[in-house]
Amino acid sequence: MTFTRLLCTASAALIFAVAGRAPAQASDLKVTEMAVTTKVVKGNPIDSVRRISSSSVKALYCFTRITAPKDTDTTIKHVWYLNDKVVAEDTMPVKGSHWRTYSRKGVEKGVSGEWRCEALDSDGNLLKSVSFRMN
């Protein structure tokens, strides 16, 4: 390591030590709750879908509750799959230590199969996944 690089690394470490925290990284995100639901009310899912008929709903929501370091400002992505093929992607912000967010997926009548929604951090790492069946 060169002297200049060593000096920059030491300076950055000192700045974060003085500030009392290290920068938040995508790997610091923890999904504490994730559910596919028929509705989100007052910031919370009303149910958790495991099997559903495509004729009974017009949309489904993937709700995700996240804990992260203080002052986090990053994103997560929900990737929706039908029979292992990507059918939708939504990127949402995460701006705090306790954060809730959700994505919406419209449902067409007659669409059936094995579904899942994955939550990915900003680096593309899988945080959590939920699966359900649509008849």
C-alpha atoms as a PDB file:
ATOM      1  CA  MET A   1       0.000   0.000   0.000  1.00  0.00           C
ATOM      2  CA  THR A   2       1.408   3.409  -0.920  1.00  0.00           C
ATOM      3  CA  PHE A   3       1.884   6.110   1.676  1.00  0.00           C
ATOM      4  CA  THR A   4      -0.782   8.316   0.032  1.00  0.00           C
ATOM      5  CA  ARG A   5      -3.336   5.496  -0.025  1.00  0.00           C
ATOM      6  CA  LEU A   6      -2.516   4.614   3.582  1.00  0.00           C
ATOM      7  CA  LEU A   7      -2.946   8.252   4.601  1.00  0.00           C
ATOM      8  CA  CYS A   8      -6.349   8.485   2.823  1.00  0.00           C
ATOM      9  CA  THR A   9      -7.549   5.244   4.425  1.00  0.00           C
ATOM     10  CA  ALA A  10      -6.427   6.392   7.873  1.00  0.00           C
ATOM     11  CA  SER A  11      -8.089   9.797   7.366  1.00  0.00           C
ATOM     12  CA  ALA A  12     -11.385   8.185   6.355  1.00  0.00           C
ATOM     13  CA  ALA A  13     -11.264   5.884   9.380  1.00  0.00           C
ATOM     14  CA  LEU A  14     -10.614   8.860  11.655  1.00  0.00           C
ATOM     15  CA  ILE A  15     -13.509  10.840  10.188  1.00  0.00           C
ATOM     16  CA  PHE A  16     -15.930   7.947  10.743  1.00  0.00           C
ATOM     17  CA  ALA A  17     -14.557   7.316  14.241  1.00  0.00           C
ATOM     18  CA  VAL A  18     -15.094  10.982  15.143  1.00  0.00           C
ATOM     19  CA  ALA A  19     -18.579  10.917  13.654  1.00  0.00           C
ATOM     20  CA  GLY A  20     -19.304   7.827  15.743  1.00  0.00           C
ATOM     21  CA  ARG A  21     -20.411   5.577  12.912  1.00  0.00           C
ATOM     22  CA  ALA A  22     -19.214   3.800   9.818  1.00  0.00           C
ATOM     23  CA  PRO A  23     -21.022   4.309   6.523  1.00  0.00           C
ATOM     24  CA  ALA A  24     -24.036   2.029   6.051  1.00  0.00           C
ATOM     25  CA  GLN A  25     -23.582  -0.677   3.467  1.00  0.00           C
ATOM     26  CA  ALA A  26     -26.206  -2.601   1.551  1.00  0.00           C
ATOM     27  CA  SER A  27     -25.241  -5.735   3.504  1.00  0.00           C
ATOM     28  CA  ASP A  28     -26.297  -3.958   6.740  1.00  0.00           C
ATOM     29  CA  LEU A  29     -29.976  -4.186   5.721  1.00  0.00           C
ATOM     30  CA  LYS A  30     -32.088  -6.824   7.486  1.00  0.00           C
ATOM     31  CA  VAL A  31     -35.571  -7.824   6.347  1.00  0.00           C
ATOM     32  CA  THR A  32     -37.582  -8.453   9.517  1.00  0.00           C
ATOM     33  CA  GLU A  33     -40.911  -9.055   7.737  1.00  0.00           C
ATOM     34  CA  MET A  34     -41.888  -9.775   4.155  1.00  0.00           C
ATOM     35  CA  ALA A  35     -45.301 -10.808   2.874  1.00  0.00           C
ATOM     36  CA  VAL A  36     -47.329 -10.863  -0.311  1.00  0.00           C
ATOM     37  CA  THR A  37     -50.662  -9.359   0.679  1.00  0.00           C
ATOM     38  CA  THR A  38     -53.977  -8.358  -0.883  1.00  0.00           C
ATOM     39  CA  LYS A  39     -53.846  -4.910   0.715  1.00  0.00           C
ATOM     40  CA  VAL A  40     -51.655  -2.619   2.809  1.00  0.00           C
ATOM     41  CA  VAL A  41     -53.568  -0.598   5.421  1.00  0.00           C
ATOM     42  CA  LYS A  42     -51.944   2.067   7.600  1.00  0.00           C
ATOM     43  CA  GLY A  43     -48.519   0.869   6.505  1.00  0.00           C
ATOM     44  CA  ASN A  44     -49.078  -2.804   7.334  1.00  0.00           C
ATOM     45  CA  PRO A  45     -50.147  -5.892   5.350  1.00  0.00           C
ATOM     46  CA  ILE A  46     -53.648  -7.173   6.144  1.00  0.00           C
ATOM     47  CA  ASP A  47     -52.871 -10.814   5.278  1.00  0.00           C
ATOM     48  CA  SER A  48     -50.193 -13.113   3.911  1.00  0.00           C
ATOM     49  CA  VAL A  49     -51.012 -14.854   0.632  1.00  0.00           C
ATOM     50  CA  ARG A  50     -49.943 -18.479   0.145  1.00  0.00           C
ATOM     51  CA  ARG A  51     -52.552 -19.460  -2.462  1.00  0.00           C
ATOM     52  CA  ILE A  52     -54.999 -17.202  -4.293  1.00  0.00           C
ATOM     53  CA  SER A  53     -57.258 -17.125  -7.348  1.00  0.00           C
ATOM     54  CA  SER A  54     -56.386 -14.626 -10.068  1.00  0.00           C
ATOM     55  CA  SER A  55     -60.083 -13.805 -10.400  1.00  0.00           C
ATOM     56  CA  SER A  56     -60.370 -12.743  -6.750  1.00  0.00           C
ATOM     57  CA  VAL A  57     -57.946  -9.767  -6.821  1.00  0.00           C
ATOM     58  CA  LYS A  58     -56.875  -6.994  -9.188  1.00  0.00           C
ATOM     59  CA  ALA A  59     -53.475  -6.512  -7.559  1.00  0.00           C
ATOM     60  CA  LEU A  60     -51.114  -7.968  -4.985  1.00  0.00           C
ATOM     61  CA  TYR A  61     -48.540  -6.146  -2.876  1.00  0.00           C
ATOM     62  CA  CYS A  62     -45.176  -7.266  -1.579  1.00  0.00           C
ATOM     63  CA  PHE A  63     -44.644  -5.642   1.820  1.00  0.00           C
ATOM     64  CA  THR A  64     -41.148  -5.463   3.303  1.00  0.00           C
ATOM     65  CA  ARG A  65     -40.105  -4.245   6.766  1.00  0.00           C
ATOM     66  CA  ILE A  66     -36.403  -3.429   7.087  1.00  0.00           C
ATOM     67  CA  THR A  67     -33.995  -2.555   9.869  1.00  0.00           C
ATOM     68  CA  ALA A  68     -30.775  -0.764   8.998  1.00  0.00           C
ATOM     69  CA  PRO A  69     -28.117   1.444  10.562  1.00  0.00           C
ATOM     70  CA  LYS A  70     -29.153   4.961  11.573  1.00  0.00           C
ATOM     71  CA  ASP A  71     -29.249   7.502   8.708  1.00  0.00           C
ATOM     72  CA  THR A  72     -29.437   4.793   6.027  1.00  0.00           C
ATOM     73  CA  ASP A  73     -30.169   6.156   2.557  1.00  0.00           C
ATOM     74  CA  THR A  74     -30.196   3.359  -0.016  1.00  0.00           C
ATOM     75  CA  THR A  75     -32.634   1.311  -2.100  1.00  0.00           C
ATOM     76  CA  ILE A  76     -34.061  -2.179  -2.316  1.00  0.00           C
ATOM     77  CA  LYS A  77     -35.574  -3.858  -5.335  1.00  0.00           C
ATOM     78  CA  HIS A  78     -38.565  -6.178  -5.485  1.00  0.00           C
ATOM     79  CA  VAL A  79     -38.347  -8.662  -8.346  1.00  0.00           C
ATOM     80  CA  TRP A  80     -41.593 -10.510  -9.128  1.00  0.00           C
ATOM     81  CA  TYR A  81     -41.375 -13.936 -10.803  1.00  0.00           C
ATOM     82  CA  LEU A  82     -43.991 -16.132 -12.452  1.00  0.00           C
ATOM     83  CA  ASN A  83     -42.767 -19.703 -13.041  1.00  0.00           C
ATOM     84  CA  ASP A  84     -39.140 -18.518 -12.615  1.00  0.00           C
ATOM     85  CA  LYS A  85     -39.456 -15.734 -15.229  1.00  0.00           C
ATOM     86  CA  VAL A  86     -39.126 -12.079 -14.201  1.00  0.00           C
ATOM     87  CA  VAL A  87     -42.436 -10.279 -14.751  1.00  0.00           C
ATOM     88  CA  ALA A  88     -41.843  -7.031 -12.823  1.00  0.00           C
ATOM     89  CA  GLU A  89     -39.203  -5.059 -10.950  1.00  0.00           C
ATOM     90  CA  ASP A  90     -39.647  -2.112  -8.593  1.00  0.00           C
ATOM     91  CA  THR A  91     -36.910  -0.106  -6.875  1.00  0.00           C
ATOM     92  CA  MET A  92     -37.853   1.636  -3.630  1.00  0.00           C
ATOM     93  CA  PRO A  93     -35.938   3.884  -1.238  1.00  0.00           C
ATOM     94  CA  VAL A  94     -34.814   2.918   2.260  1.00  0.00           C
ATOM     95  CA  LYS A  95     -34.204   6.086   4.282  1.00  0.00           C
ATOM     96  CA  GLY A  96     -33.891   5.191   7.918  1.00  0.00           C
ATOM     97  CA  SER A  97     -33.190   2.588  10.547  1.00  0.00           C
ATOM     98  CA  HIS A  98     -36.786   1.283  10.640  1.00  0.00           C
ATOM     99  CA  TRP A  99     -38.361   1.349   7.197  1.00  0.00           C
ATOM    100  CA  ARG A 100     -41.443  -0.140   5.556  1.00  0.00           C
ATOM    101  CA  THR A 101     -42.100  -0.254   1.850  1.00  0.00           C
ATOM    102  CA  TYR A 102     -44.102  -2.215  -0.688  1.00  0.00           C
ATOM    103  CA  SER A 103     -44.460  -2.798  -4.411  1.00  0.00           C
ATOM    104  CA  ARG A 104     -47.641  -3.458  -6.369  1.00  0.00           C
ATOM    105  CA  LYS A 105     -48.212  -6.101  -9.045  1.00  0.00           C
ATOM    106  CA  GLY A 106     -51.371  -5.968 -11.134  1.00  0.00           C
ATOM    107  CA  VAL A 107     -53.087  -9.344 -11.556  1.00  0.00           C
ATOM    108  CA  GLU A 108     -54.691 -10.419 -14.816  1.00  0.00           C
ATOM    109  CA  LYS A 109     -57.540 -12.937 -14.707  1.00  0.00           C
ATOM    110  CA  GLY A 110     -56.533 -16.406 -15.811  1.00  0.00           C
ATOM    111  CA  VAL A 111     -52.857 -16.024 -14.915  1.00  0.00           C
ATOM    112  CA  SER A 112     -51.785 -19.006 -12.845  1.00  0.00           C
ATOM    113  CA  GLY A 113     -48.601 -20.618 -11.646  1.00  0.00           C
ATOM    114  CA  GLU A 114     -45.861 -20.474  -9.055  1.00  0.00           C
ATOM    115  CA  TRP A 115     -45.040 -16.914  -8.032  1.00  0.00           C
ATOM    116  CA  ARG A 116     -42.346 -15.390  -5.845  1.00  0.00           C
ATOM    117  CA  CYS A 117     -41.105 -11.967  -4.969  1.00  0.00           C
ATOM    118  CA  GLU A 118     -37.483 -11.357  -4.016  1.00  0.00           C
ATOM    119  CA  ALA A 119     -36.107  -8.386  -2.091  1.00  0.00           C
ATOM    120  CA  LEU A 120     -32.618  -7.421  -3.259  1.00  0.00           C
ATOM    121  CA  ASP A 121     -30.259  -4.830  -1.780  1.00  0.00           C
ATOM    122  CA  SER A 122     -28.667  -2.127  -3.937  1.00  0.00           C
ATOM    123  CA  ASP A 123     -25.772  -4.496  -4.731  1.00  0.00           C
ATOM    124  CA  GLY A 124     -28.196  -7.161  -6.023  1.00  0.00           C
ATOM    125  CA  ASN A 125     -27.824  -9.471  -3.021  1.00  0.00           C
ATOM    126  CA  LEU A 126     -30.904 -11.484  -2.019  1.00  0.00           C
ATOM    127  CA  LEU A 127     -32.287 -10.282   1.310  1.00  0.00           C
ATOM    128  CA  LYS A 128     -35.431 -12.419   1.436  1.00  0.00           C
ATOM    129  CA  SER A 129     -37.952 -14.157  -0.799  1.00  0.00           C
ATOM    130  CA  VAL A 130     -41.625 -15.124  -0.473  1.00  0.00           C
ATOM    131  CA  SER A 131     -43.529 -17.605  -2.650  1.00  0.00           C
ATOM    132  CA  PHE A 132     -47.196 -18.243  -3.383  1.00  0.00           C
ATOM    133  CA  ARG A 133     -49.424 -20.058  -5.858  1.00  0.00           C
ATOM    134  CA  MET A 134     -51.987 -18.371  -8.052  1.00  0.00           C
ATOM    135  CA  ASN A 135     -54.835 -20.461  -9.543  1.00  0.00           C
END
